[in-house]
Amino acid sequence: MAITKVIGSFAVVTIDTVAVPLVKSAEFSISQSEVDVTDNDNTGAWNSFLMGNRTGTFSLTFNWDSALTGTDAEPQEVFPVNLAGTNAALAIVYYPNGDDVGSRRYSFSAKPMEFTHGISNETVVECSVTFRVTGAITVDVVPSP
């Protein structure tokens, strides 16, 4: 019996319709606030809670080669600069298993909270960005063309 080992990810991320080049990792963190509604009538000294609003963050790590030039490199040249200086909500679509028909996709608006860009001698630079989700997250399946 042959064992297949899969390395890497088929994840695709687009930000304002521009595909993020060389995605290394992507991660959602979604949480829900709570409201304490405990009163003196609660029996057994247990607190009571109502669930409040949800909030989320989306983190992304990717490689960026700033030395590339030409049409194929344009998204890599412009992409990090746009994230560093914007306060506008960006349209993000995240396909954790690739963007093939039948794959799950997450669509949402988010604002960049943190952007890191390192420098490394003779290697591709690793960048990461963390977004704060604003509004609802739509989860659906990529339809047939």
N, C-alpha and C. Protein backbone atom coordinates (compact mmCIF):
# COMPACT_ATOMS: atom_id res chain seq x y z
N MET A 1 0.84 -1.18 0.00
CA MET A 1 0.00 0.00 0.00
C MET A 1 0.89 1.24 0.00
N ALA A 2 0.65 2.12 -0.95
CA ALA A 2 1.43 3.34 -1.06
C ALA A 2 0.89 4.40 -0.11
N ILE A 3 1.78 5.12 0.50
CA ILE A 3 1.39 6.22 1.39
C ILE A 3 1.67 7.52 0.68
N THR A 4 0.67 8.37 0.60
CA THR A 4 0.82 9.66 -0.06
C THR A 4 1.04 10.72 1.00
N LYS A 5 2.05 11.52 0.81
CA LYS A 5 2.35 12.60 1.73
C LYS A 5 2.10 13.92 1.00
N VAL A 6 1.26 14.74 1.59
CA VAL A 6 0.94 16.03 0.99
C VAL A 6 1.65 17.12 1.77
N ILE A 7 2.44 17.92 1.09
CA ILE A 7 3.14 19.03 1.73
C ILE A 7 2.61 20.32 1.15
N GLY A 8 2.35 21.28 2.01
CA GLY A 8 1.87 22.57 1.55
C GLY A 8 0.36 22.65 1.56
N SER A 9 -0.16 23.63 0.87
CA SER A 9 -1.58 23.90 0.90
C SER A 9 -2.05 24.35 -0.47
N PHE A 10 -3.31 24.08 -0.74
CA PHE A 10 -3.93 24.56 -1.96
C PHE A 10 -4.66 25.87 -1.72
N ALA A 11 -4.51 26.46 -0.54
CA ALA A 11 -5.26 27.66 -0.16
C ALA A 11 -5.04 28.80 -1.15
N VAL A 12 -6.14 29.49 -1.43
CA VAL A 12 -6.12 30.66 -2.30
C VAL A 12 -6.77 31.79 -1.52
N VAL A 13 -6.14 32.96 -1.54
CA VAL A 13 -6.70 34.15 -0.90
C VAL A 13 -6.68 35.28 -1.90
N THR A 14 -7.82 35.95 -2.06
CA THR A 14 -7.86 37.16 -2.88
C THR A 14 -8.25 38.33 -2.00
N ILE A 15 -7.62 39.46 -2.26
CA ILE A 15 -7.93 40.70 -1.55
C ILE A 15 -8.26 41.74 -2.60
N ASP A 16 -9.49 42.24 -2.55
CA ASP A 16 -9.99 43.15 -3.58
C ASP A 16 -9.71 42.60 -4.97
N THR A 17 -10.00 41.34 -5.19
CA THR A 17 -9.88 40.57 -6.44
C THR A 17 -8.45 40.29 -6.88
N VAL A 18 -7.44 40.69 -6.10
CA VAL A 18 -6.05 40.39 -6.44
C VAL A 18 -5.62 39.16 -5.65
N ALA A 19 -5.16 38.12 -6.34
CA ALA A 19 -4.70 36.91 -5.67
C ALA A 19 -3.40 37.20 -4.92
N VAL A 20 -3.34 36.74 -3.68
CA VAL A 20 -2.14 36.92 -2.88
C VAL A 20 -1.11 35.90 -3.36
N PRO A 21 0.10 36.36 -3.73
CA PRO A 21 1.10 35.43 -4.25
C PRO A 21 1.74 34.60 -3.13
N LEU A 22 2.01 33.35 -3.42
CA LEU A 22 2.81 32.49 -2.55
C LEU A 22 2.31 32.43 -1.11
N VAL A 23 1.03 32.11 -0.92
CA VAL A 23 0.45 31.99 0.42
C VAL A 23 1.12 30.83 1.15
N LYS A 24 1.62 31.10 2.35
CA LYS A 24 2.23 30.06 3.17
C LYS A 24 1.26 29.53 4.21
N SER A 25 0.47 30.44 4.81
CA SER A 25 -0.51 30.01 5.81
C SER A 25 -1.61 31.05 5.93
N ALA A 26 -2.77 30.60 6.37
CA ALA A 26 -3.90 31.48 6.62
C ALA A 26 -4.66 30.91 7.81
N GLU A 27 -5.21 31.80 8.64
CA GLU A 27 -5.87 31.33 9.86
C GLU A 27 -7.02 32.26 10.25
N PHE A 28 -8.15 31.65 10.57
CA PHE A 28 -9.30 32.38 11.10
C PHE A 28 -9.32 32.27 12.61
N SER A 29 -9.76 33.31 13.26
CA SER A 29 -10.05 33.27 14.69
C SER A 29 -11.37 34.00 14.89
N ILE A 30 -12.40 33.26 15.27
CA ILE A 30 -13.72 33.85 15.45
C ILE A 30 -14.14 33.63 16.90
N SER A 31 -14.59 34.69 17.54
CA SER A 31 -15.04 34.58 18.94
C SER A 31 -16.37 35.28 19.10
N GLN A 32 -17.02 35.00 20.22
CA GLN A 32 -18.32 35.59 20.50
C GLN A 32 -18.30 36.16 21.91
N SER A 33 -18.79 37.40 22.02
CA SER A 33 -18.82 38.03 23.34
C SER A 33 -19.98 37.45 24.15
N GLU A 34 -19.96 37.72 25.42
CA GLU A 34 -21.05 37.26 26.28
C GLU A 34 -21.48 38.38 27.21
N VAL A 35 -22.74 38.32 27.61
CA VAL A 35 -23.28 39.31 28.52
C VAL A 35 -23.74 38.58 29.77
N ASP A 36 -23.23 38.99 30.92
CA ASP A 36 -23.62 38.36 32.19
C ASP A 36 -25.00 38.87 32.59
N VAL A 37 -25.97 37.97 32.70
CA VAL A 37 -27.35 38.33 33.08
C VAL A 37 -27.74 37.70 34.41
N THR A 38 -26.73 37.42 35.23
CA THR A 38 -26.99 36.81 36.53
C THR A 38 -27.78 37.78 37.41
N ASP A 39 -28.79 37.26 38.09
CA ASP A 39 -29.53 38.09 39.05
C ASP A 39 -29.65 37.34 40.37
N ASN A 40 -30.31 37.94 41.33
CA ASN A 40 -30.42 37.34 42.67
C ASN A 40 -31.32 36.12 42.71
N ASP A 41 -32.11 35.88 41.67
CA ASP A 41 -33.00 34.73 41.63
C ASP A 41 -32.33 33.45 41.13
N ASN A 42 -31.08 33.54 40.66
CA ASN A 42 -30.38 32.35 40.17
C ASN A 42 -30.18 31.38 41.32
N THR A 43 -30.49 30.13 41.07
CA THR A 43 -30.32 29.13 42.13
C THR A 43 -28.98 28.44 42.00
N GLY A 44 -28.45 28.04 43.12
CA GLY A 44 -27.20 27.29 43.13
C GLY A 44 -25.97 28.13 42.87
N ALA A 45 -26.07 29.43 42.90
CA ALA A 45 -24.93 30.35 42.74
C ALA A 45 -24.23 30.18 41.40
N TRP A 46 -25.00 29.87 40.35
CA TRP A 46 -24.44 29.78 39.00
C TRP A 46 -24.72 31.06 38.24
N ASN A 47 -23.75 31.54 37.49
CA ASN A 47 -23.95 32.71 36.64
C ASN A 47 -24.74 32.31 35.39
N SER A 48 -25.46 33.27 34.84
CA SER A 48 -26.20 33.08 33.59
C SER A 48 -25.68 34.06 32.55
N PHE A 49 -25.60 33.58 31.31
CA PHE A 49 -25.04 34.42 30.25
C PHE A 49 -25.91 34.37 29.01
N LEU A 50 -25.93 35.47 28.27
CA LEU A 50 -26.48 35.54 26.93
C LEU A 50 -25.31 35.74 25.98
N MET A 51 -25.40 35.12 24.84
CA MET A 51 -24.33 35.28 23.87
C MET A 51 -24.52 36.59 23.11
N GLY A 52 -23.45 37.32 22.93
CA GLY A 52 -23.48 38.61 22.26
C GLY A 52 -23.03 38.51 20.82
N ASN A 53 -22.38 39.54 20.35
CA ASN A 53 -21.94 39.62 18.95
C ASN A 53 -20.66 38.84 18.72
N ARG A 54 -20.47 38.45 17.46
CA ARG A 54 -19.25 37.74 17.08
C ARG A 54 -18.24 38.74 16.51
N THR A 55 -16.98 38.37 16.63
CA THR A 55 -15.90 39.15 16.05
C THR A 55 -14.87 38.16 15.50
N GLY A 56 -14.05 38.62 14.58
CA GLY A 56 -13.08 37.70 14.02
C GLY A 56 -11.84 38.39 13.51
N THR A 57 -10.78 37.61 13.40
CA THR A 57 -9.54 38.07 12.77
C THR A 57 -9.15 37.04 11.72
N PHE A 58 -8.42 37.49 10.73
CA PHE A 58 -7.91 36.63 9.67
C PHE A 58 -6.44 36.97 9.50
N SER A 59 -5.58 35.98 9.69
CA SER A 59 -4.14 36.18 9.57
C SER A 59 -3.62 35.44 8.35
N LEU A 60 -2.65 36.05 7.71
CA LEU A 60 -2.14 35.54 6.45
C LEU A 60 -0.63 35.72 6.43
N THR A 61 0.08 34.68 6.03
CA THR A 61 1.53 34.75 5.85
C THR A 61 1.84 34.36 4.41
N PHE A 62 2.71 35.14 3.76
CA PHE A 62 3.03 34.87 2.36
C PHE A 62 4.46 35.30 2.08
N ASN A 63 5.01 34.77 0.98
CA ASN A 63 6.34 35.16 0.53
C ASN A 63 6.22 36.31 -0.46
N TRP A 64 7.20 37.17 -0.44
CA TRP A 64 7.19 38.33 -1.34
C TRP A 64 8.59 38.54 -1.88
N ASP A 65 8.73 38.53 -3.18
CA ASP A 65 10.03 38.76 -3.81
C ASP A 65 10.00 40.14 -4.44
N SER A 66 10.56 41.11 -3.74
CA SER A 66 10.52 42.50 -4.21
C SER A 66 11.46 42.74 -5.40
N ALA A 67 12.31 41.77 -5.69
CA ALA A 67 13.24 41.95 -6.81
C ALA A 67 12.59 41.64 -8.16
N LEU A 68 11.41 40.99 -8.15
CA LEU A 68 10.76 40.66 -9.41
C LEU A 68 10.25 41.92 -10.10
N THR A 69 10.31 41.90 -11.42
CA THR A 69 9.78 43.02 -12.20
C THR A 69 8.95 42.45 -13.34
N GLY A 70 8.11 43.28 -13.93
CA GLY A 70 7.31 42.84 -15.06
C GLY A 70 5.88 42.56 -14.65
N THR A 71 5.07 42.19 -15.64
CA THR A 71 3.64 42.01 -15.43
C THR A 71 3.34 40.98 -14.35
N ASP A 72 4.04 39.84 -14.36
CA ASP A 72 3.75 38.79 -13.38
C ASP A 72 4.05 39.23 -11.96
N ALA A 73 4.92 40.20 -11.76
CA ALA A 73 5.31 40.62 -10.42
C ALA A 73 4.49 41.79 -9.89
N GLU A 74 3.67 42.41 -10.74
CA GLU A 74 2.96 43.61 -10.29
C GLU A 74 2.15 43.40 -9.02
N PRO A 75 1.36 42.30 -8.88
CA PRO A 75 0.65 42.12 -7.62
C PRO A 75 1.59 42.04 -6.42
N GLN A 76 2.79 41.45 -6.61
CA GLN A 76 3.73 41.34 -5.52
C GLN A 76 4.33 42.70 -5.16
N GLU A 77 4.51 43.57 -6.14
CA GLU A 77 5.06 44.89 -5.88
C GLU A 77 4.05 45.80 -5.18
N VAL A 78 2.79 45.75 -5.58
CA VAL A 78 1.78 46.67 -5.09
C VAL A 78 1.12 46.16 -3.82
N PHE A 79 0.92 44.88 -3.71
CA PHE A 79 0.14 44.29 -2.64
C PHE A 79 0.55 44.72 -1.23
N PRO A 80 1.81 44.54 -0.80
CA PRO A 80 2.17 44.93 0.56
C PRO A 80 2.04 46.44 0.82
N VAL A 81 2.34 47.25 -0.17
CA VAL A 81 2.24 48.70 0.01
C VAL A 81 0.79 49.10 0.27
N ASN A 82 -0.15 48.52 -0.48
CA ASN A 82 -1.56 48.82 -0.28
C ASN A 82 -2.03 48.45 1.11
N LEU A 83 -1.57 47.33 1.64
CA LEU A 83 -2.02 46.91 2.97
C LEU A 83 -1.47 47.80 4.07
N ALA A 84 -0.28 48.30 3.88
CA ALA A 84 0.36 49.09 4.92
C ALA A 84 -0.30 50.45 5.12
N GLY A 85 -0.94 51.00 4.08
CA GLY A 85 -1.41 52.37 4.20
C GLY A 85 -2.91 52.57 4.12
N THR A 86 -3.70 51.50 4.21
CA THR A 86 -5.13 51.67 4.03
C THR A 86 -5.90 51.57 5.34
N ASN A 87 -7.00 52.31 5.42
CA ASN A 87 -7.91 52.18 6.55
C ASN A 87 -9.27 51.70 6.06
N ALA A 88 -9.38 51.48 4.76
CA ALA A 88 -10.65 51.05 4.16
C ALA A 88 -10.83 49.55 4.35
N ALA A 89 -12.09 49.12 4.39
CA ALA A 89 -12.38 47.69 4.44
C ALA A 89 -12.07 47.07 3.09
N LEU A 90 -11.43 45.93 3.11
CA LEU A 90 -11.06 45.23 1.89
C LEU A 90 -11.93 43.98 1.73
N ALA A 91 -12.26 43.64 0.50
CA ALA A 91 -13.05 42.44 0.22
C ALA A 91 -12.10 41.24 0.14
N ILE A 92 -12.26 40.29 1.05
CA ILE A 92 -11.39 39.13 1.11
C ILE A 92 -12.20 37.87 0.80
N VAL A 93 -11.64 37.02 -0.05
CA VAL A 93 -12.22 35.72 -0.32
C VAL A 93 -11.13 34.69 -0.02
N TYR A 94 -11.48 33.72 0.83
CA TYR A 94 -10.52 32.71 1.28
C TYR A 94 -11.04 31.33 0.90
N TYR A 95 -10.23 30.61 0.12
CA TYR A 95 -10.55 29.26 -0.30
C TYR A 95 -9.53 28.33 0.39
N PRO A 96 -9.87 27.73 1.53
CA PRO A 96 -8.89 26.93 2.25
C PRO A 96 -8.37 25.72 1.48
N ASN A 97 -9.18 25.16 0.58
CA ASN A 97 -8.79 23.97 -0.18
C ASN A 97 -8.64 24.25 -1.67
N GLY A 98 -8.38 25.50 -2.03
CA GLY A 98 -8.28 25.86 -3.43
C GLY A 98 -9.61 26.36 -3.96
N ASP A 99 -9.59 26.93 -5.16
CA ASP A 99 -10.80 27.55 -5.70
C ASP A 99 -11.49 26.70 -6.76
N ASP A 100 -11.33 25.37 -6.67
CA ASP A 100 -12.01 24.48 -7.60
C ASP A 100 -13.50 24.43 -7.32
N VAL A 101 -14.29 24.06 -8.33
CA VAL A 101 -15.74 23.90 -8.17
C VAL A 101 -16.01 22.92 -7.03
N GLY A 102 -16.93 23.27 -6.16
CA GLY A 102 -17.30 22.42 -5.04
C GLY A 102 -16.50 22.67 -3.78
N SER A 103 -15.47 23.50 -3.85
CA SER A 103 -14.67 23.83 -2.66
C SER A 103 -15.39 24.88 -1.81
N ARG A 104 -15.15 24.83 -0.53
CA ARG A 104 -15.73 25.82 0.39
C ARG A 104 -15.00 27.15 0.24
N ARG A 105 -15.74 28.26 0.35
CA ARG A 105 -15.11 29.57 0.32
C ARG A 105 -15.74 30.46 1.38
N TYR A 106 -14.91 31.35 1.92
CA TYR A 106 -15.32 32.32 2.92
C TYR A 106 -15.14 33.71 2.32
N SER A 107 -16.19 34.52 2.36
CA SER A 107 -16.13 35.89 1.83
C SER A 107 -16.47 36.85 2.96
N PHE A 108 -15.68 37.91 3.09
CA PHE A 108 -15.92 38.87 4.16
C PHE A 108 -15.17 40.16 3.87
N SER A 109 -15.53 41.20 4.60
CA SER A 109 -14.80 42.48 4.56
C SER A 109 -13.94 42.55 5.80
N ALA A 110 -12.77 43.16 5.67
CA ALA A 110 -11.86 43.26 6.81
C ALA A 110 -10.95 44.46 6.64
N LYS A 111 -10.44 44.93 7.76
CA LYS A 111 -9.47 46.04 7.76
C LYS A 111 -8.14 45.54 8.29
N PRO A 112 -7.05 45.93 7.65
CA PRO A 112 -5.73 45.48 8.13
C PRO A 112 -5.42 46.09 9.48
N MET A 113 -5.00 45.23 10.42
CA MET A 113 -4.63 45.67 11.77
C MET A 113 -3.11 45.73 11.95
N GLU A 114 -2.44 44.74 11.39
CA GLU A 114 -0.99 44.64 11.60
C GLU A 114 -0.35 44.07 10.34
N PHE A 115 0.76 44.66 9.95
CA PHE A 115 1.49 44.21 8.78
C PHE A 115 2.96 44.09 9.16
N THR A 116 3.55 42.92 8.93
CA THR A 116 4.98 42.74 9.21
C THR A 116 5.68 42.33 7.93
N HIS A 117 6.88 42.86 7.77
CA HIS A 117 7.66 42.65 6.57
C HIS A 117 9.11 42.57 7.01
N GLY A 118 9.70 41.41 6.89
CA GLY A 118 11.09 41.24 7.31
C GLY A 118 12.04 41.35 6.13
N ILE A 119 13.30 41.42 6.45
CA ILE A 119 14.34 41.44 5.42
C ILE A 119 15.28 40.27 5.71
N SER A 120 15.62 39.55 4.67
CA SER A 120 16.50 38.41 4.82
C SER A 120 17.48 38.42 3.66
N ASN A 121 18.73 38.17 3.93
CA ASN A 121 19.77 38.19 2.91
C ASN A 121 19.65 36.97 2.00
N GLU A 122 19.52 37.21 0.71
CA GLU A 122 19.51 36.18 -0.31
C GLU A 122 18.35 35.21 -0.23
N THR A 123 17.26 35.59 0.41
CA THR A 123 16.08 34.74 0.43
C THR A 123 14.84 35.58 0.16
N VAL A 124 13.77 34.91 -0.14
CA VAL A 124 12.50 35.59 -0.34
C VAL A 124 12.02 36.10 1.01
N VAL A 125 11.47 37.29 1.01
CA VAL A 125 11.00 37.93 2.24
C VAL A 125 9.66 37.35 2.65
N GLU A 126 9.50 37.06 3.94
CA GLU A 126 8.23 36.59 4.46
C GLU A 126 7.46 37.77 5.04
N CYS A 127 6.20 37.89 4.66
CA CYS A 127 5.33 38.96 5.15
C CYS A 127 4.13 38.33 5.84
N SER A 128 3.55 39.06 6.77
CA SER A 128 2.30 38.60 7.37
C SER A 128 1.42 39.81 7.63
N VAL A 129 0.13 39.57 7.60
CA VAL A 129 -0.85 40.62 7.84
C VAL A 129 -2.00 40.01 8.65
N THR A 130 -2.50 40.79 9.58
CA THR A 130 -3.66 40.39 10.37
C THR A 130 -4.78 41.37 10.11
N PHE A 131 -5.95 40.85 9.79
CA PHE A 131 -7.12 41.66 9.49
C PHE A 131 -8.16 41.51 10.59
N ARG A 132 -8.92 42.57 10.85
CA ARG A 132 -10.09 42.51 11.72
C ARG A 132 -11.31 42.41 10.82
N VAL A 133 -12.06 41.33 10.97
CA VAL A 133 -13.26 41.13 10.17
C VAL A 133 -14.31 42.16 10.57
N THR A 134 -14.92 42.79 9.59
CA THR A 134 -15.97 43.76 9.86
C THR A 134 -17.22 43.33 9.10
N GLY A 135 -18.28 43.03 9.81
CA GLY A 135 -19.50 42.53 9.19
C GLY A 135 -19.53 41.01 9.20
N ALA A 136 -20.47 40.47 8.48
CA ALA A 136 -20.71 39.02 8.48
C ALA A 136 -19.74 38.29 7.55
N ILE A 137 -19.50 37.02 7.87
CA ILE A 137 -18.71 36.13 7.03
C ILE A 137 -19.70 35.24 6.28
N THR A 138 -19.59 35.20 4.95
CA THR A 138 -20.44 34.34 4.14
C THR A 138 -19.66 33.07 3.82
N VAL A 139 -20.25 31.92 4.11
CA VAL A 139 -19.62 30.65 3.81
C VAL A 139 -20.49 29.95 2.77
N ASP A 140 -19.89 29.59 1.65
CA ASP A 140 -20.61 28.88 0.60
C ASP A 140 -19.67 27.96 -0.15
N VAL A 141 -20.14 27.43 -1.26
CA VAL A 141 -19.37 26.50 -2.07
C VAL A 141 -19.17 27.13 -3.45
N VAL A 142 -17.97 26.97 -4.00
CA VAL A 142 -17.68 27.52 -5.33
C VAL A 142 -18.60 26.84 -6.35
N PRO A 143 -19.42 27.62 -7.09
CA PRO A 143 -20.36 27.03 -8.04
C PRO A 143 -19.68 26.65 -9.36
N SER A 144 -20.37 25.84 -10.13
CA SER A 144 -19.89 25.49 -11.48
C SER A 144 -19.96 26.73 -12.35
N PRO A 145 -19.02 26.89 -13.29
CA PRO A 145 -19.04 28.06 -14.16
C PRO A 145 -20.23 28.08 -15.10
